[in-house]
Amino acid sequence: MLILEEMQARGHESLTLLHHAPSGLRGVLAVHSRVLGPAIAGVRLREEDEQLAVRGALALSESLTLKAALAGLNYGGGACVLMMPEAGVEDPHAREALFRALGRELSHMQSRVVLTEDIGVTPADITFVAQETPATLGMNTDTSTITGYGVYRGMKAAAKYALGAESMRGVRVAILGAGAVGRTLAAHLHREGAKLTVADFRPERAQALADELDQTVVVPVHELLDTPCDVLAPCGYGHSIHSDDVPRLQCRLVAGGEHHPLTQRGEEAVKEAGIMYMPDFAINSAGLIAAATGASMDQAAERVYQNVSRIVAAAAQYHKPPHVVARKMAERRISLIGSLGHA
């Protein structure tokens, strides 16, 4: 699919290419919707090519629209994906220059876009952005830790429907990704007595987590989807579960912190397989809620718990998959609140 066709199909407003040669800034900003308010754009810094950056920004920005809507926030959805400069950002001055260049490049859009942290980006980086534009969030929020706790609380709410009880004691959970969100999720599950299996594309991170949490099993990434478990928790970079992989899954619930672990075909495949899927935009919003509202970690995670509980209750009542119900709920709020602008 061509980029403009994909933007039209998804309902995007705009796509902006970012470039500043002296700082090494190369990236893309996608704005999906501003119906509910300025677009919150999570900023990612990754080593990837231009095509992946563009497609990733389009997918992430749509997810942010649904996430903000479902969380009851007055923001739309955006995403900013930066490609790693050739010289890297190990030099602190180079990192400062990169993120200040980003802020300066987008300062003229401050009424339309609000930047916050995502994978590979820290609150300190957003502080650099804030020196050039006031349109930032999350500088004083440990977003990853709060997100991980929210995923844990959302998983418990989903388990009530998928497993018959919300207790995680003795529940087998396979976690893909031992980054900040995955580590936080694992720690809370371990504390409650869950049986953990972890994998990461950087095996040393998975092993470090297992060394910290006793009785945690480490497996290679390519084996994790074949692991017998009750819950599969993708906490990676996106699209961890291909539609062709679904027959391998031995879980009853997919619920994790990763954006878009499944494609639309994958969502259909898990539905046909009788596996419940709680979508990313419903379960990984605690960090965004805290950054946008100033809510505490407990308050933000409780909102995730309540939202997921509402989704699974409606799914049971209407005999619909939870991921379909969650999208309908988000789209309904966008439609209803958006209609106020036409009065």
C-alpha atoms as a PDB file:
ATOM      1  CA  MET A   1       0.000   0.000   0.000  1.00  0.00           C
ATOM      2  CA  LEU A   2       1.267   3.476  -0.856  1.00  0.00           C
ATOM      3  CA  ILE A   3       1.782   5.914   2.026  1.00  0.00           C
ATOM      4  CA  LEU A   4      -0.925   8.371   0.942  1.00  0.00           C
ATOM      5  CA  GLU A   5      -3.367   5.496   0.455  1.00  0.00           C
ATOM      6  CA  GLU A   6      -2.547   4.188   3.921  1.00  0.00           C
ATOM      7  CA  MET A   7      -3.049   7.648   5.431  1.00  0.00           C
ATOM      8  CA  GLN A   8      -6.433   7.924   3.758  1.00  0.00           C
ATOM      9  CA  ALA A   9      -7.458   4.432   4.841  1.00  0.00           C
ATOM     10  CA  ARG A  10      -6.502   5.104   8.471  1.00  0.00           C
ATOM     11  CA  GLY A  11      -7.931   8.645   8.519  1.00  0.00           C
ATOM     12  CA  HIS A  12      -4.680  10.522   9.174  1.00  0.00           C
ATOM     13  CA  GLU A  13      -4.494  14.306   9.080  1.00  0.00           C
ATOM     14  CA  SER A  14      -0.844  14.830   8.214  1.00  0.00           C
ATOM     15  CA  LEU A  15       2.630  13.359   7.861  1.00  0.00           C
ATOM     16  CA  THR A  16       5.710  15.565   8.319  1.00  0.00           C
ATOM     17  CA  LEU A  17       9.314  14.630   7.512  1.00  0.00           C
ATOM     18  CA  LEU A  18      11.910  16.051   9.907  1.00  0.00           C
ATOM     19  CA  HIS A  19      15.514  16.823   8.979  1.00  0.00           C
ATOM     20  CA  HIS A  20      18.303  18.868  10.536  1.00  0.00           C
ATOM     21  CA  ALA A  21      21.726  17.835   9.244  1.00  0.00           C
ATOM     22  CA  PRO A  22      23.991  19.390  11.941  1.00  0.00           C
ATOM     23  CA  SER A  23      22.252  17.529  14.799  1.00  0.00           C
ATOM     24  CA  GLY A  24      21.620  14.338  12.828  1.00  0.00           C
ATOM     25  CA  LEU A  25      17.851  14.751  13.175  1.00  0.00           C
ATOM     26  CA  ARG A  26      15.973  12.498  10.760  1.00  0.00           C
ATOM     27  CA  GLY A  27      12.451  11.437  11.514  1.00  0.00           C
ATOM     28  CA  VAL A  28       8.768  11.577  10.823  1.00  0.00           C
ATOM     29  CA  LEU A  29       5.787  13.044  12.658  1.00  0.00           C
ATOM     30  CA  ALA A  30       2.344  11.558  12.009  1.00  0.00           C
ATOM     31  CA  VAL A  31      -0.833  13.252  13.239  1.00  0.00           C
ATOM     32  CA  HIS A  32      -3.823  10.947  13.142  1.00  0.00           C
ATOM     33  CA  SER A  33      -6.601  12.986  14.757  1.00  0.00           C
ATOM     34  CA  ARG A  34      -7.146  16.236  16.657  1.00  0.00           C
ATOM     35  CA  VAL A  35     -10.900  15.832  17.128  1.00  0.00           C
ATOM     36  CA  LEU A  36     -10.587  15.650  20.925  1.00  0.00           C
ATOM     37  CA  GLY A  37      -7.690  18.104  21.227  1.00  0.00           C
ATOM     38  CA  PRO A  38      -4.003  18.527  20.324  1.00  0.00           C
ATOM     39  CA  ALA A  39      -2.328  15.313  19.219  1.00  0.00           C
ATOM     40  CA  ILE A  40      -0.163  13.663  21.875  1.00  0.00           C
ATOM     41  CA  ALA A  41       2.864  12.332  20.015  1.00  0.00           C
ATOM     42  CA  GLY A  42       5.071   9.766  21.699  1.00  0.00           C
ATOM     43  CA  VAL A  43       8.683  10.277  20.576  1.00  0.00           C
ATOM     44  CA  ARG A  44      10.659   7.130  19.734  1.00  0.00           C
ATOM     45  CA  LEU A  45      14.371   6.876  18.936  1.00  0.00           C
ATOM     46  CA  ARG A  46      15.341   3.686  17.144  1.00  0.00           C
ATOM     47  CA  GLU A  47      17.789   2.253  14.667  1.00  0.00           C
ATOM     48  CA  GLU A  48      15.496   1.667  11.682  1.00  0.00           C
ATOM     49  CA  ASP A  49      15.120   2.711   8.079  1.00  0.00           C
ATOM     50  CA  GLU A  50      12.910   5.428   6.666  1.00  0.00           C
ATOM     51  CA  GLN A  51      10.107   3.153   5.489  1.00  0.00           C
ATOM     52  CA  LEU A  52       9.768   1.451   8.877  1.00  0.00           C
ATOM     53  CA  ALA A  53       9.840   4.832  10.616  1.00  0.00           C
ATOM     54  CA  VAL A  54       6.985   6.143   8.451  1.00  0.00           C
ATOM     55  CA  ARG A  55       4.828   3.060   8.817  1.00  0.00           C
ATOM     56  CA  GLY A  56       5.552   2.884  12.531  1.00  0.00           C
ATOM     57  CA  ALA A  57       4.509   6.510  13.016  1.00  0.00           C
ATOM     58  CA  LEU A  58       1.250   5.943  11.137  1.00  0.00           C
ATOM     59  CA  ALA A  59       0.349   2.901  13.242  1.00  0.00           C
ATOM     60  CA  LEU A  60       1.413   4.478  16.547  1.00  0.00           C
ATOM     61  CA  SER A  61      -0.483   7.701  15.962  1.00  0.00           C
ATOM     62  CA  GLU A  62      -3.732   5.843  15.280  1.00  0.00           C
ATOM     63  CA  SER A  63      -3.204   3.851  18.469  1.00  0.00           C
ATOM     64  CA  LEU A  64      -2.637   7.074  20.445  1.00  0.00           C
ATOM     65  CA  THR A  65      -5.947   8.475  19.178  1.00  0.00           C
ATOM     66  CA  LEU A  66      -7.814   5.427  20.467  1.00  0.00           C
ATOM     67  CA  LYS A  67      -5.804   5.335  23.702  1.00  0.00           C
ATOM     68  CA  ALA A  68      -6.482   8.966  24.579  1.00  0.00           C
ATOM     69  CA  ALA A  69     -10.160   8.620  23.720  1.00  0.00           C
ATOM     70  CA  LEU A  70     -10.666   5.465  25.771  1.00  0.00           C
ATOM     71  CA  ALA A  71      -8.771   6.984  28.709  1.00  0.00           C
ATOM     72  CA  GLY A  72     -11.102   9.991  28.704  1.00  0.00           C
ATOM     73  CA  LEU A  73      -8.366  12.485  27.789  1.00  0.00           C
ATOM     74  CA  ASN A  74      -8.946  15.595  25.735  1.00  0.00           C
ATOM     75  CA  TYR A  75      -6.145  14.836  23.304  1.00  0.00           C
ATOM     76  CA  GLY A  76      -5.836  13.369  19.854  1.00  0.00           C
ATOM     77  CA  GLY A  77      -3.218  10.970  18.571  1.00  0.00           C
ATOM     78  CA  GLY A  78       0.205  11.475  17.013  1.00  0.00           C
ATOM     79  CA  ALA A  79       3.593   9.788  16.865  1.00  0.00           C
ATOM     80  CA  CYS A  80       7.142  10.971  16.232  1.00  0.00           C
ATOM     81  CA  VAL A  81       9.689   8.348  15.196  1.00  0.00           C
ATOM     82  CA  LEU A  82      13.325   9.430  15.038  1.00  0.00           C
ATOM     83  CA  MET A  83      15.993   7.426  13.256  1.00  0.00           C
ATOM     84  CA  MET A  84      19.233   7.008  15.189  1.00  0.00           C
ATOM     85  CA  PRO A  85      21.881   9.491  13.956  1.00  0.00           C
ATOM     86  CA  GLU A  86      24.836   7.846  12.236  1.00  0.00           C
ATOM     87  CA  ALA A  87      27.162   9.199  14.902  1.00  0.00           C
ATOM     88  CA  GLY A  88      24.904   7.934  17.695  1.00  0.00           C
ATOM     89  CA  VAL A  89      23.900   9.907  20.785  1.00  0.00           C
ATOM     90  CA  GLU A  90      26.378   8.658  23.387  1.00  0.00           C
ATOM     91  CA  ASP A  91      27.857  12.145  23.612  1.00  0.00           C
ATOM     92  CA  PRO A  92      25.496  14.075  25.949  1.00  0.00           C
ATOM     93  CA  HIS A  93      25.923  17.244  23.878  1.00  0.00           C
ATOM     94  CA  ALA A  94      24.907  15.336  20.740  1.00  0.00           C
ATOM     95  CA  ARG A  95      21.801  14.042  22.498  1.00  0.00           C
ATOM     96  CA  GLU A  96      20.901  17.537  23.672  1.00  0.00           C
ATOM     97  CA  ALA A  97      21.359  18.910  20.147  1.00  0.00           C
ATOM     98  CA  LEU A  98      19.162  16.177  18.646  1.00  0.00           C
ATOM     99  CA  PHE A  99      16.209  16.777  20.940  1.00  0.00           C
ATOM    100  CA  ARG A 100      16.504  20.554  20.937  1.00  0.00           C
ATOM    101  CA  ALA A 101      16.530  20.389  17.131  1.00  0.00           C
ATOM    102  CA  LEU A 102      13.333  18.341  17.310  1.00  0.00           C
ATOM    103  CA  GLY A 103      11.702  20.917  19.566  1.00  0.00           C
ATOM    104  CA  ARG A 104      12.741  23.764  17.309  1.00  0.00           C
ATOM    105  CA  GLU A 105      11.543  21.974  14.156  1.00  0.00           C
ATOM    106  CA  LEU A 106       8.098  21.474  15.703  1.00  0.00           C
ATOM    107  CA  SER A 107       7.765  24.708  17.673  1.00  0.00           C
ATOM    108  CA  HIS A 108       5.456  26.158  15.024  1.00  0.00           C
ATOM    109  CA  MET A 109       3.051  23.252  15.653  1.00  0.00           C
ATOM    110  CA  GLN A 110       2.732  23.780  19.413  1.00  0.00           C
ATOM    111  CA  SER A 111      -1.028  24.350  19.233  1.00  0.00           C
ATOM    112  CA  ARG A 112      -1.477  21.081  17.302  1.00  0.00           C
ATOM    113  CA  VAL A 113       1.051  18.601  18.722  1.00  0.00           C
ATOM    114  CA  VAL A 114       2.266  17.763  22.253  1.00  0.00           C
ATOM    115  CA  LEU A 115       5.445  15.676  22.551  1.00  0.00           C
ATOM    116  CA  THR A 116       6.104  13.062  25.228  1.00  0.00           C
ATOM    117  CA  GLU A 117       8.489  10.136  25.722  1.00  0.00           C
ATOM    118  CA  ASP A 118       8.272   6.677  24.196  1.00  0.00           C
ATOM    119  CA  ILE A 119      10.756   3.870  23.497  1.00  0.00           C
ATOM    120  CA  GLY A 120      14.386   4.993  23.553  1.00  0.00           C
ATOM    121  CA  VAL A 121      13.525   8.444  24.901  1.00  0.00           C
ATOM    122  CA  THR A 122      13.748   9.665  28.511  1.00  0.00           C
ATOM    123  CA  PRO A 123      12.123  12.479  30.497  1.00  0.00           C
ATOM    124  CA  ALA A 124      15.506  14.260  30.316  1.00  0.00           C
ATOM    125  CA  ASP A 125      15.280  14.191  26.509  1.00  0.00           C
ATOM    126  CA  ILE A 126      11.831  15.778  26.666  1.00  0.00           C
ATOM    127  CA  THR A 127      13.323  18.457  28.928  1.00  0.00           C
ATOM    128  CA  PHE A 128      15.646  19.348  26.038  1.00  0.00           C
ATOM    129  CA  VAL A 129      12.647  19.502  23.682  1.00  0.00           C
ATOM    130  CA  ALA A 130      10.890  21.791  26.171  1.00  0.00           C
ATOM    131  CA  GLN A 131      13.699  24.342  25.864  1.00  0.00           C
ATOM    132  CA  GLU A 132      12.507  24.964  22.306  1.00  0.00           C
ATOM    133  CA  THR A 133       8.732  24.438  22.531  1.00  0.00           C
ATOM    134  CA  PRO A 134       6.277  24.494  25.456  1.00  0.00           C
ATOM    135  CA  ALA A 135       4.203  21.692  23.910  1.00  0.00           C
ATOM    136  CA  THR A 136       5.583  18.791  25.991  1.00  0.00           C
ATOM    137  CA  LEU A 137       4.360  16.331  28.638  1.00  0.00           C
ATOM    138  CA  GLY A 138       5.946  13.774  30.926  1.00  0.00           C
ATOM    139  CA  MET A 139       9.175  15.469  31.953  1.00  0.00           C
ATOM    140  CA  ASN A 140       8.473  14.690  35.606  1.00  0.00           C
ATOM    141  CA  THR A 141       6.737  11.349  35.085  1.00  0.00           C
ATOM    142  CA  ASP A 142       8.288   7.890  35.201  1.00  0.00           C
ATOM    143  CA  THR A 143       6.118   6.886  32.273  1.00  0.00           C
ATOM    144  CA  SER A 144       7.504   3.388  31.721  1.00  0.00           C
ATOM    145  CA  THR A 145       7.158   2.322  35.346  1.00  0.00           C
ATOM    146  CA  ILE A 146       3.608   3.653  35.546  1.00  0.00           C
ATOM    147  CA  THR A 147       2.716   2.025  32.234  1.00  0.00           C
ATOM    148  CA  GLY A 148       4.063  -1.329  33.431  1.00  0.00           C
ATOM    149  CA  TYR A 149       2.004  -1.165  36.616  1.00  0.00           C
ATOM    150  CA  GLY A 150      -1.063  -0.214  34.607  1.00  0.00           C
ATOM    151  CA  VAL A 151      -0.545  -3.221  32.315  1.00  0.00           C
ATOM    152  CA  TYR A 152      -0.370  -5.429  35.416  1.00  0.00           C
ATOM    153  CA  ARG A 153      -3.651  -4.021  36.755  1.00  0.00           C
ATOM    154  CA  GLY A 154      -5.298  -4.251  33.337  1.00  0.00           C
ATOM    155  CA  MET A 155      -4.127  -7.851  32.972  1.00  0.00           C
ATOM    156  CA  LYS A 156      -5.820  -8.735  36.261  1.00  0.00           C
ATOM    157  CA  ALA A 157      -9.085  -7.175  35.071  1.00  0.00           C
ATOM    158  CA  ALA A 158      -8.872  -9.066  31.770  1.00  0.00           C
ATOM    159  CA  ALA A 159      -7.989 -12.327  33.528  1.00  0.00           C
ATOM    160  CA  LYS A 160     -11.284 -12.177  35.403  1.00  0.00           C
ATOM    161  CA  TYR A 161     -12.981 -12.696  32.035  1.00  0.00           C
ATOM    162  CA  ALA A 162     -10.412 -14.885  30.268  1.00  0.00           C
ATOM    163  CA  LEU A 163      -9.244 -17.090  33.160  1.00  0.00           C
ATOM    164  CA  GLY A 164     -12.172 -16.895  35.564  1.00  0.00           C
ATOM    165  CA  ALA A 165     -10.304 -15.013  38.326  1.00  0.00           C
ATOM    166  CA  GLU A 166      -8.096 -11.967  38.592  1.00  0.00           C
ATOM    167  CA  SER A 167      -5.523 -13.502  40.909  1.00  0.00           C
ATOM    168  CA  MET A 168      -2.154 -14.033  39.232  1.00  0.00           C
ATOM    169  CA  ARG A 169      -0.941 -16.574  41.791  1.00  0.00           C
ATOM    170  CA  GLY A 170       0.154 -19.670  39.906  1.00  0.00           C
ATOM    171  CA  VAL A 171      -0.809 -18.155  36.545  1.00  0.00           C
ATOM    172  CA  ARG A 172       1.722 -18.851  33.776  1.00  0.00           C
ATOM    173  CA  VAL A 173       2.728 -15.601  32.058  1.00  0.00           C
ATOM    174  CA  ALA A 174       5.133 -15.414  29.105  1.00  0.00           C
ATOM    175  CA  ILE A 175       6.629 -11.936  28.660  1.00  0.00           C
ATOM    176  CA  LEU A 176       8.258 -10.882  25.403  1.00  0.00           C
ATOM    177  CA  GLY A 177      10.523  -7.903  26.046  1.00  0.00           C
ATOM    178  CA  ALA A 178      12.550  -7.145  29.168  1.00  0.00           C
ATOM    179  CA  GLY A 179      12.697  -3.389  28.727  1.00  0.00           C
ATOM    180  CA  ALA A 180      11.382  -0.921  31.304  1.00  0.00           C
ATOM    181  CA  VAL A 181       7.700  -1.829  30.874  1.00  0.00           C
ATOM    182  CA  GLY A 182       8.334  -5.579  30.710  1.00  0.00           C
ATOM    183  CA  ARG A 183      10.567  -5.504  33.799  1.00  0.00           C
ATOM    184  CA  THR A 184       7.995  -3.571  35.819  1.00  0.00           C
ATOM    185  CA  LEU A 185       5.199  -5.898  34.747  1.00  0.00           C
ATOM    186  CA  ALA A 186       7.314  -8.944  35.620  1.00  0.00           C
ATOM    187  CA  ALA A 187       8.146  -7.581  39.077  1.00  0.00           C
ATOM    188  CA  HIS A 188       4.488  -7.076  40.000  1.00  0.00           C
ATOM    189  CA  LEU A 189       3.479 -10.480  38.625  1.00  0.00           C
ATOM    190  CA  HIS A 190       6.354 -12.178  40.464  1.00  0.00           C
ATOM    191  CA  ARG A 191       5.368 -10.491  43.709  1.00  0.00           C
ATOM    192  CA  GLU A 192       1.872 -11.968  43.348  1.00  0.00           C
ATOM    193  CA  GLY A 193       3.187 -15.465  42.662  1.00  0.00           C
ATOM    194  CA  ALA A 194       2.853 -15.789  38.886  1.00  0.00           C
ATOM    195  CA  LYS A 195       5.041 -18.315  37.033  1.00  0.00           C
ATOM    196  CA  LEU A 196       7.132 -16.297  34.589  1.00  0.00           C
ATOM    197  CA  THR A 197       8.860 -17.085  31.313  1.00  0.00           C
ATOM    198  CA  VAL A 198      10.733 -14.215  29.637  1.00  0.00           C
ATOM    199  CA  ALA A 199      12.507 -13.584  26.344  1.00  0.00           C
ATOM    200  CA  ASP A 200      14.180 -10.563  24.801  1.00  0.00           C
ATOM    201  CA  PHE A 201      15.996  -9.830  21.537  1.00  0.00           C
ATOM    202  CA  ARG A 202      18.868  -8.842  23.821  1.00  0.00           C
ATOM    203  CA  PRO A 203      19.207 -12.117  25.787  1.00  0.00           C
ATOM    204  CA  GLU A 204      21.323 -10.487  28.476  1.00  0.00           C
ATOM    205  CA  ARG A 205      18.353  -8.317  29.495  1.00  0.00           C
ATOM    206  CA  ALA A 206      16.116 -11.364  29.918  1.00  0.00           C
ATOM    207  CA  GLN A 207      18.805 -13.119  31.937  1.00  0.00           C
ATOM    208  CA  ALA A 208      19.320 -10.077  34.163  1.00  0.00           C
ATOM    209  CA  LEU A 209      15.595 -10.038  34.894  1.00  0.00           C
ATOM    210  CA  ALA A 210      15.611 -13.756  35.700  1.00  0.00           C
ATOM    211  CA  ASP A 211      18.581 -13.254  38.029  1.00  0.00           C
ATOM    212  CA  GLU A 212      16.561 -10.625  39.876  1.00  0.00           C
ATOM    213  CA  LEU A 213      13.291 -12.597  40.032  1.00  0.00           C
ATOM    214  CA  ASP A 214      13.892 -16.147  41.254  1.00  0.00           C
ATOM    215  CA  GLN A 215      12.292 -19.100  39.416  1.00  0.00           C
ATOM    216  CA  THR A 216      11.869 -17.022  36.252  1.00  0.00           C
ATOM    217  CA  VAL A 217      12.611 -19.075  33.132  1.00  0.00           C
ATOM    218  CA  VAL A 218      14.486 -17.572  30.158  1.00  0.00           C
ATOM    219  CA  VAL A 219      13.901 -18.840  26.617  1.00  0.00           C
ATOM    220  CA  PRO A 220      15.037 -17.594  23.190  1.00  0.00           C
ATOM    221  CA  VAL A 221      12.656 -15.177  21.466  1.00  0.00           C
ATOM    222  CA  HIS A 222      11.846 -17.658  18.705  1.00  0.00           C
ATOM    223  CA  GLU A 223      10.651 -20.183  21.297  1.00  0.00           C
ATOM    224  CA  LEU A 224       8.461 -17.919  23.437  1.00  0.00           C
ATOM    225  CA  LEU A 225       5.343 -18.135  21.242  1.00  0.00           C
ATOM    226  CA  ASP A 226       5.438 -21.937  21.601  1.00  0.00           C
ATOM    227  CA  THR A 227       5.580 -21.741  25.399  1.00  0.00           C
ATOM    228  CA  PRO A 228       2.517 -23.201  27.178  1.00  0.00           C
ATOM    229  CA  CYS A 229       1.096 -20.334  29.238  1.00  0.00           C
ATOM    230  CA  ASP A 230      -2.128 -18.732  30.388  1.00  0.00           C
ATOM    231  CA  VAL A 231      -1.196 -15.176  29.396  1.00  0.00           C
ATOM    232  CA  LEU A 232       1.127 -13.947  26.652  1.00  0.00           C
ATOM    233  CA  ALA A 233       2.367 -10.413  27.371  1.00  0.00           C
ATOM    234  CA  PRO A 234       4.061  -8.738  24.373  1.00  0.00           C
ATOM    235  CA  CYS A 235       6.179  -5.826  25.613  1.00  0.00           C
ATOM    236  CA  GLY A 236       8.404  -5.267  22.578  1.00  0.00           C
ATOM    237  CA  TYR A 237       8.537  -2.785  19.721  1.00  0.00           C
ATOM    238  CA  GLY A 238       5.425  -3.796  17.774  1.00  0.00           C
ATOM    239  CA  HIS A 239       4.001  -6.565  15.592  1.00  0.00           C
ATOM    240  CA  SER A 240       5.637  -9.248  17.716  1.00  0.00           C
ATOM    241  CA  ILE A 241       2.928 -11.759  16.801  1.00  0.00           C
ATOM    242  CA  HIS A 242       2.472 -12.314  13.079  1.00  0.00           C
ATOM    243  CA  SER A 243      -0.840 -13.722  11.890  1.00  0.00           C
ATOM    244  CA  ASP A 244       0.958 -16.874  10.733  1.00  0.00           C
ATOM    245  CA  ASP A 245       2.252 -17.338  14.301  1.00  0.00           C
ATOM    246  CA  VAL A 246      -1.191 -17.483  15.915  1.00  0.00           C
ATOM    247  CA  PRO A 247      -1.585 -21.290  15.533  1.00  0.00           C
ATOM    248  CA  ARG A 248       1.565 -21.624  17.668  1.00  0.00           C
ATOM    249  CA  LEU A 249       0.081 -19.754  20.630  1.00  0.00           C
ATOM    250  CA  GLN A 250      -0.755 -21.828  23.708  1.00  0.00           C
ATOM    251  CA  CYS A 251      -2.354 -19.080  25.783  1.00  0.00           C
ATOM    252  CA  ARG A 252      -5.881 -17.962  26.623  1.00  0.00           C
ATOM    253  CA  LEU A 253      -5.163 -14.242  26.857  1.00  0.00           C
ATOM    254  CA  VAL A 254      -2.878 -11.811  25.014  1.00  0.00           C
ATOM    255  CA  ALA A 255      -2.314  -8.676  27.099  1.00  0.00           C
ATOM    256  CA  GLY A 256       0.875  -6.604  27.215  1.00  0.00           C
ATOM    257  CA  GLY A 257       2.413  -3.160  26.992  1.00  0.00           C
ATOM    258  CA  GLU A 258       3.421  -3.307  23.320  1.00  0.00           C
ATOM    259  CA  HIS A 259       1.853  -1.050  20.682  1.00  0.00           C
ATOM    260  CA  HIS A 260       0.224  -3.100  17.921  1.00  0.00           C
ATOM    261  CA  PRO A 261       1.480  -6.598  18.801  1.00  0.00           C
ATOM    262  CA  LEU A 262      -1.037  -7.923  16.269  1.00  0.00           C
ATOM    263  CA  THR A 263      -2.023  -6.803  12.784  1.00  0.00           C
ATOM    264  CA  GLN A 264      -5.714  -6.698  11.845  1.00  0.00           C
ATOM    265  CA  ARG A 265      -5.290 -10.143  10.308  1.00  0.00           C
ATOM    266  CA  GLY A 266      -3.695 -11.279  13.548  1.00  0.00           C
ATOM    267  CA  GLU A 267      -6.631  -9.942  15.549  1.00  0.00           C
ATOM    268  CA  GLU A 268      -8.993 -11.989  13.391  1.00  0.00           C
ATOM    269  CA  ALA A 269      -6.776 -15.039  13.790  1.00  0.00           C
ATOM    270  CA  VAL A 270      -6.722 -14.926  17.605  1.00  0.00           C
ATOM    271  CA  LYS A 271     -10.494 -14.443  17.636  1.00  0.00           C
ATOM    272  CA  GLU A 272     -10.903 -17.565  15.498  1.00  0.00           C
ATOM    273  CA  ALA A 273      -8.504 -19.420  17.791  1.00  0.00           C
ATOM    274  CA  GLY A 274     -10.609 -18.549  20.839  1.00  0.00           C
ATOM    275  CA  ILE A 275      -7.870 -16.418  22.402  1.00  0.00           C
ATOM    276  CA  MET A 276      -8.883 -13.203  24.108  1.00  0.00           C
ATOM    277  CA  TYR A 277      -6.896 -10.120  23.067  1.00  0.00           C
ATOM    278  CA  MET A 278      -6.863  -6.949  25.148  1.00  0.00           C
ATOM    279  CA  PRO A 279      -5.569  -4.249  22.772  1.00  0.00           C
ATOM    280  CA  ASP A 280      -2.631  -2.037  23.575  1.00  0.00           C
ATOM    281  CA  PHE A 281      -4.624   1.188  23.568  1.00  0.00           C
ATOM    282  CA  ALA A 282      -6.836  -0.159  26.351  1.00  0.00           C
ATOM    283  CA  ILE A 283      -4.204  -1.656  28.647  1.00  0.00           C
ATOM    284  CA  ASN A 284      -1.014   0.417  28.276  1.00  0.00           C
ATOM    285  CA  SER A 285      -2.422   3.906  28.881  1.00  0.00           C
ATOM    286  CA  ALA A 286      -1.465   4.470  32.553  1.00  0.00           C
ATOM    287  CA  GLY A 287       1.738   6.354  31.732  1.00  0.00           C
ATOM    288  CA  LEU A 288      -0.106   8.616  29.303  1.00  0.00           C
ATOM    289  CA  ILE A 289      -2.859   9.262  31.852  1.00  0.00           C
ATOM    290  CA  ALA A 290      -0.306  10.197  34.513  1.00  0.00           C
ATOM    291  CA  ALA A 291       1.647  12.480  32.175  1.00  0.00           C
ATOM    292  CA  ALA A 292      -1.475  14.216  30.861  1.00  0.00           C
ATOM    293  CA  THR A 293      -3.380  14.641  34.124  1.00  0.00           C
ATOM    294  CA  GLY A 294      -0.820  14.533  36.935  1.00  0.00           C
ATOM    295  CA  ALA A 295      -2.479  11.405  38.358  1.00  0.00           C
ATOM    296  CA  SER A 296      -0.412   9.215  40.673  1.00  0.00           C
ATOM    297  CA  MET A 297       0.700   5.748  39.602  1.00  0.00           C
ATOM    298  CA  ASP A 298      -2.088   4.129  41.629  1.00  0.00           C
ATOM    299  CA  GLN A 299      -4.715   6.503  40.252  1.00  0.00           C
ATOM    300  CA  ALA A 300      -3.628   6.037  36.642  1.00  0.00           C
ATOM    301  CA  ALA A 301      -3.470   2.248  36.964  1.00  0.00           C
ATOM    302  CA  GLU A 302      -6.888   2.178  38.611  1.00  0.00           C
ATOM    303  CA  ARG A 303      -8.332   3.974  35.586  1.00  0.00           C
ATOM    304  CA  VAL A 304      -6.838   1.290  33.354  1.00  0.00           C
ATOM    305  CA  TYR A 305      -8.332  -1.400  35.598  1.00  0.00           C
ATOM    306  CA  GLN A 306     -11.769   0.204  35.433  1.00  0.00           C
ATOM    307  CA  ASN A 307     -11.593   0.709  31.653  1.00  0.00           C
ATOM    308  CA  VAL A 308     -10.568  -2.896  31.019  1.00  0.00           C
ATOM    309  CA  SER A 309     -13.278  -4.131  33.400  1.00  0.00           C
ATOM    310  CA  ARG A 310     -15.853  -2.108  31.470  1.00  0.00           C
ATOM    311  CA  ILE A 311     -14.614  -3.525  28.165  1.00  0.00           C
ATOM    312  CA  VAL A 312     -14.728  -7.169  29.264  1.00  0.00           C
ATOM    313  CA  ALA A 313     -18.170  -6.714  30.835  1.00  0.00           C
ATOM    314  CA  ALA A 314     -19.536  -5.315  27.570  1.00  0.00           C
ATOM    315  CA  ALA A 315     -17.781  -8.051  25.610  1.00  0.00           C
ATOM    316  CA  ALA A 316     -19.498 -10.699  27.738  1.00  0.00           C
ATOM    317  CA  GLN A 317     -22.878  -8.983  27.506  1.00  0.00           C
ATOM    318  CA  TYR A 318     -22.840  -8.575  23.734  1.00  0.00           C
ATOM    319  CA  HIS A 319     -20.786 -11.680  22.872  1.00  0.00           C
ATOM    320  CA  LYS A 320     -18.157  -9.629  21.050  1.00  0.00           C
ATOM    321  CA  PRO A 321     -14.339  -9.870  21.203  1.00  0.00           C
ATOM    322  CA  PRO A 322     -12.912  -7.369  23.732  1.00  0.00           C
ATOM    323  CA  HIS A 323     -10.607  -5.775  21.142  1.00  0.00           C
ATOM    324  CA  VAL A 324     -13.637  -4.969  18.956  1.00  0.00           C
ATOM    325  CA  VAL A 325     -15.551  -3.569  21.927  1.00  0.00           C
ATOM    326  CA  ALA A 326     -12.597  -1.410  23.000  1.00  0.00           C
ATOM    327  CA  ARG A 327     -12.275   0.154  19.547  1.00  0.00           C
ATOM    328  CA  LYS A 328     -16.017   0.816  19.373  1.00  0.00           C
ATOM    329  CA  MET A 329     -15.926   2.526  22.782  1.00  0.00           C
ATOM    330  CA  ALA A 330     -13.043   4.770  21.747  1.00  0.00           C
ATOM    331  CA  GLU A 331     -14.632   5.632  18.394  1.00  0.00           C
ATOM    332  CA  ARG A 332     -17.952   6.399  20.089  1.00  0.00           C
ATOM    333  CA  ARG A 333     -16.335   8.956  22.412  1.00  0.00           C
ATOM    334  CA  ILE A 334     -14.514  10.568  19.481  1.00  0.00           C
ATOM    335  CA  SER A 335     -17.781  10.789  17.547  1.00  0.00           C
ATOM    336  CA  LEU A 336     -19.855  12.142  20.450  1.00  0.00           C
ATOM    337  CA  ILE A 337     -17.331  14.714  21.691  1.00  0.00           C
ATOM    338  CA  GLY A 338     -16.363  15.626  18.151  1.00  0.00           C
ATOM    339  CA  SER A 339     -19.978  16.421  17.355  1.00  0.00           C
ATOM    340  CA  LEU A 340     -19.944  19.208  19.957  1.00  0.00           C
ATOM    341  CA  GLY A 341     -17.712  21.229  17.662  1.00  0.00           C
ATOM    342  CA  HIS A 342     -20.457  21.374  15.028  1.00  0.00           C
ATOM    343  CA  ALA A 343     -23.156  22.814  17.295  1.00  0.00           C
END
